[in-house]
């Protein structure tokens, strides 16, 4: 299993909405991918809870079978639609892909 983790810094205002509104929109968009993108085994969205200028604002963790499944997720049209919006409302991104430890 592969764990894909992404963190974003959101712009204070973008696309006519506040940071909080855009985070909520991104959360909904990503969570709505479950059941639409068949390769998704798990999807969890988290919002930062401690205010610190160095912290990212939100984090996504997606579990998929392998690298091929991750590529299928990234290129799925529903994901591409959400990703296009994310690109407009964020100003920083970090990601890491690791083998998911056994539970």
C-alpha atoms as a PDB file:
ATOM      1  CA  UNK A   1       0.000   0.000   0.000  1.00  0.00           C
ATOM      2  CA  UNK A   2       1.155   3.517  -0.809  1.00  0.00           C
ATOM      3  CA  UNK A   3       0.422   6.537   1.379  1.00  0.00           C
ATOM      4  CA  UNK A   4       0.296   9.811  -0.579  1.00  0.00           C
ATOM      5  CA  UNK A   5       0.460  12.866   1.705  1.00  0.00           C
ATOM      6  CA  UNK A   6       0.047  16.447   0.472  1.00  0.00           C
ATOM      7  CA  UNK A   7       0.114  19.667   2.501  1.00  0.00           C
ATOM      8  CA  UNK A   8      -0.903  23.128   1.307  1.00  0.00           C
ATOM      9  CA  UNK A   9      -0.541  26.753   2.314  1.00  0.00           C
ATOM     10  CA  UNK A  10      -3.702  28.568   1.246  1.00  0.00           C
ATOM     11  CA  UNK A  11      -3.870  32.181   0.100  1.00  0.00           C
ATOM     12  CA  UNK A  12      -5.690  34.517   2.514  1.00  0.00           C
ATOM     13  CA  UNK A  13      -8.158  35.389  -0.262  1.00  0.00           C
ATOM     14  CA  UNK A  14      -8.534  33.774  -3.671  1.00  0.00           C
ATOM     15  CA  UNK A  15     -11.245  33.220  -6.246  1.00  0.00           C
ATOM     16  CA  UNK A  16     -13.464  35.666  -4.323  1.00  0.00           C
ATOM     17  CA  UNK A  17     -13.390  33.657  -1.089  1.00  0.00           C
ATOM     18  CA  UNK A  18     -11.541  33.580   2.213  1.00  0.00           C
ATOM     19  CA  UNK A  19      -8.924  31.023   3.164  1.00  0.00           C
ATOM     20  CA  UNK A  20     -11.436  29.207   5.393  1.00  0.00           C
ATOM     21  CA  UNK A  21     -14.044  29.066   2.631  1.00  0.00           C
ATOM     22  CA  UNK A  22     -11.510  27.731   0.123  1.00  0.00           C
ATOM     23  CA  UNK A  23     -10.249  25.101   2.549  1.00  0.00           C
ATOM     24  CA  UNK A  24     -13.855  23.948   3.033  1.00  0.00           C
ATOM     25  CA  UNK A  25     -14.383  23.824  -0.741  1.00  0.00           C
ATOM     26  CA  UNK A  26     -11.208  21.791  -1.241  1.00  0.00           C
ATOM     27  CA  UNK A  27     -12.158  19.419   1.589  1.00  0.00           C
ATOM     28  CA  UNK A  28     -15.573  18.791   0.042  1.00  0.00           C
ATOM     29  CA  UNK A  29     -14.128  18.356  -3.436  1.00  0.00           C
ATOM     30  CA  UNK A  30     -11.535  15.849  -2.282  1.00  0.00           C
ATOM     31  CA  UNK A  31     -13.878  13.913   0.003  1.00  0.00           C
ATOM     32  CA  UNK A  32     -16.361  13.650  -2.880  1.00  0.00           C
ATOM     33  CA  UNK A  33     -13.732  11.714  -4.854  1.00  0.00           C
ATOM     34  CA  UNK A  34     -14.364   8.662  -2.668  1.00  0.00           C
ATOM     35  CA  UNK A  35     -16.545   6.310  -4.668  1.00  0.00           C
ATOM     36  CA  UNK A  36     -15.817   8.249  -7.868  1.00  0.00           C
ATOM     37  CA  UNK A  37     -12.117   7.448  -8.259  1.00  0.00           C
ATOM     38  CA  UNK A  38     -12.064   3.650  -8.000  1.00  0.00           C
ATOM     39  CA  UNK A  39      -8.388   3.276  -6.991  1.00  0.00           C
ATOM     40  CA  UNK A  40      -8.854   5.168  -3.692  1.00  0.00           C
ATOM     41  CA  UNK A  41      -8.650   2.861  -0.695  1.00  0.00           C
ATOM     42  CA  UNK A  42      -8.715   5.657   1.911  1.00  0.00           C
ATOM     43  CA  UNK A  43      -8.871   9.451   1.866  1.00  0.00           C
ATOM     44  CA  UNK A  44      -8.493  11.731   4.889  1.00  0.00           C
ATOM     45  CA  UNK A  45      -8.413  15.539   4.915  1.00  0.00           C
ATOM     46  CA  UNK A  46      -7.107  17.446   7.933  1.00  0.00           C
ATOM     47  CA  UNK A  47      -7.069  21.147   8.720  1.00  0.00           C
ATOM     48  CA  UNK A  48      -4.271  22.705  10.772  1.00  0.00           C
ATOM     49  CA  UNK A  49      -5.395  23.534  14.302  1.00  0.00           C
ATOM     50  CA  UNK A  50      -2.405  25.473  15.664  1.00  0.00           C
ATOM     51  CA  UNK A  51      -1.818  28.947  14.252  1.00  0.00           C
ATOM     52  CA  UNK A  52       1.811  29.301  13.252  1.00  0.00           C
ATOM     53  CA  UNK A  53       3.180  31.101  10.208  1.00  0.00           C
ATOM     54  CA  UNK A  54       5.406  28.150   9.323  1.00  0.00           C
ATOM     55  CA  UNK A  55       2.605  25.566   9.433  1.00  0.00           C
ATOM     56  CA  UNK A  56       0.710  24.367   6.401  1.00  0.00           C
ATOM     57  CA  UNK A  57      -3.031  25.005   6.465  1.00  0.00           C
ATOM     58  CA  UNK A  58      -4.340  21.609   5.393  1.00  0.00           C
ATOM     59  CA  UNK A  59      -3.185  18.061   4.709  1.00  0.00           C
ATOM     60  CA  UNK A  60      -4.513  15.232   2.575  1.00  0.00           C
ATOM     61  CA  UNK A  61      -3.644  11.573   3.038  1.00  0.00           C
ATOM     62  CA  UNK A  62      -4.660   9.104   0.360  1.00  0.00           C
ATOM     63  CA  UNK A  63      -4.005   5.372   0.449  1.00  0.00           C
ATOM     64  CA  UNK A  64      -3.799   3.486  -2.826  1.00  0.00           C
ATOM     65  CA  UNK A  65      -2.551   0.056  -3.852  1.00  0.00           C
ATOM     66  CA  UNK A  66       0.670   1.108  -5.616  1.00  0.00           C
ATOM     67  CA  UNK A  67       2.351   3.652  -7.878  1.00  0.00           C
ATOM     68  CA  UNK A  68       0.139   2.760 -10.834  1.00  0.00           C
ATOM     69  CA  UNK A  69      -2.960   3.382  -8.721  1.00  0.00           C
ATOM     70  CA  UNK A  70      -1.507   6.709  -7.543  1.00  0.00           C
ATOM     71  CA  UNK A  71      -0.988   7.753 -11.158  1.00  0.00           C
ATOM     72  CA  UNK A  72      -4.560   6.713 -11.983  1.00  0.00           C
ATOM     73  CA  UNK A  73      -5.801   8.860  -9.064  1.00  0.00           C
ATOM     74  CA  UNK A  74      -3.724  11.870 -10.105  1.00  0.00           C
ATOM     75  CA  UNK A  75      -4.887  11.718 -13.717  1.00  0.00           C
ATOM     76  CA  UNK A  76      -8.555  10.922 -13.050  1.00  0.00           C
ATOM     77  CA  UNK A  77     -10.722  13.742 -14.474  1.00  0.00           C
ATOM     78  CA  UNK A  78     -12.565  14.257 -11.158  1.00  0.00           C
ATOM     79  CA  UNK A  79      -9.256  14.684  -9.324  1.00  0.00           C
ATOM     80  CA  UNK A  80      -7.925  16.974 -12.049  1.00  0.00           C
ATOM     81  CA  UNK A  81     -10.932  19.274 -11.549  1.00  0.00           C
ATOM     82  CA  UNK A  82     -10.257  19.588  -7.807  1.00  0.00           C
ATOM     83  CA  UNK A  83      -6.513  19.971  -8.398  1.00  0.00           C
ATOM     84  CA  UNK A  84      -7.117  22.860 -10.805  1.00  0.00           C
ATOM     85  CA  UNK A  85      -9.061  24.719  -8.107  1.00  0.00           C
ATOM     86  CA  UNK A  86      -6.419  23.904  -5.475  1.00  0.00           C
ATOM     87  CA  UNK A  87      -3.746  25.455  -7.716  1.00  0.00           C
ATOM     88  CA  UNK A  88      -5.712  28.722  -7.806  1.00  0.00           C
ATOM     89  CA  UNK A  89      -6.222  29.044  -4.043  1.00  0.00           C
ATOM     90  CA  UNK A  90      -2.885  27.848  -2.652  1.00  0.00           C
ATOM     91  CA  UNK A  91       0.583  29.365  -2.550  1.00  0.00           C
ATOM     92  CA  UNK A  92       2.616  26.446  -1.276  1.00  0.00           C
ATOM     93  CA  UNK A  93       2.600  22.665  -1.537  1.00  0.00           C
ATOM     94  CA  UNK A  94       4.629  19.769  -0.199  1.00  0.00           C
ATOM     95  CA  UNK A  95       4.092  16.074  -0.813  1.00  0.00           C
ATOM     96  CA  UNK A  96       5.585  12.719   0.056  1.00  0.00           C
ATOM     97  CA  UNK A  97       4.728   9.179  -1.044  1.00  0.00           C
ATOM     98  CA  UNK A  98       5.705   6.304   1.252  1.00  0.00           C
ATOM     99  CA  UNK A  99       4.963   2.641   1.712  1.00  0.00           C
ATOM    100  CA  UNK A 100       2.164   2.580   4.265  1.00  0.00           C
ATOM    101  CA  UNK A 101       3.226   0.890   7.507  1.00  0.00           C
ATOM    102  CA  UNK A 102       1.179  -2.129   8.538  1.00  0.00           C
ATOM    103  CA  UNK A 103      -1.591  -1.295  11.020  1.00  0.00           C
END
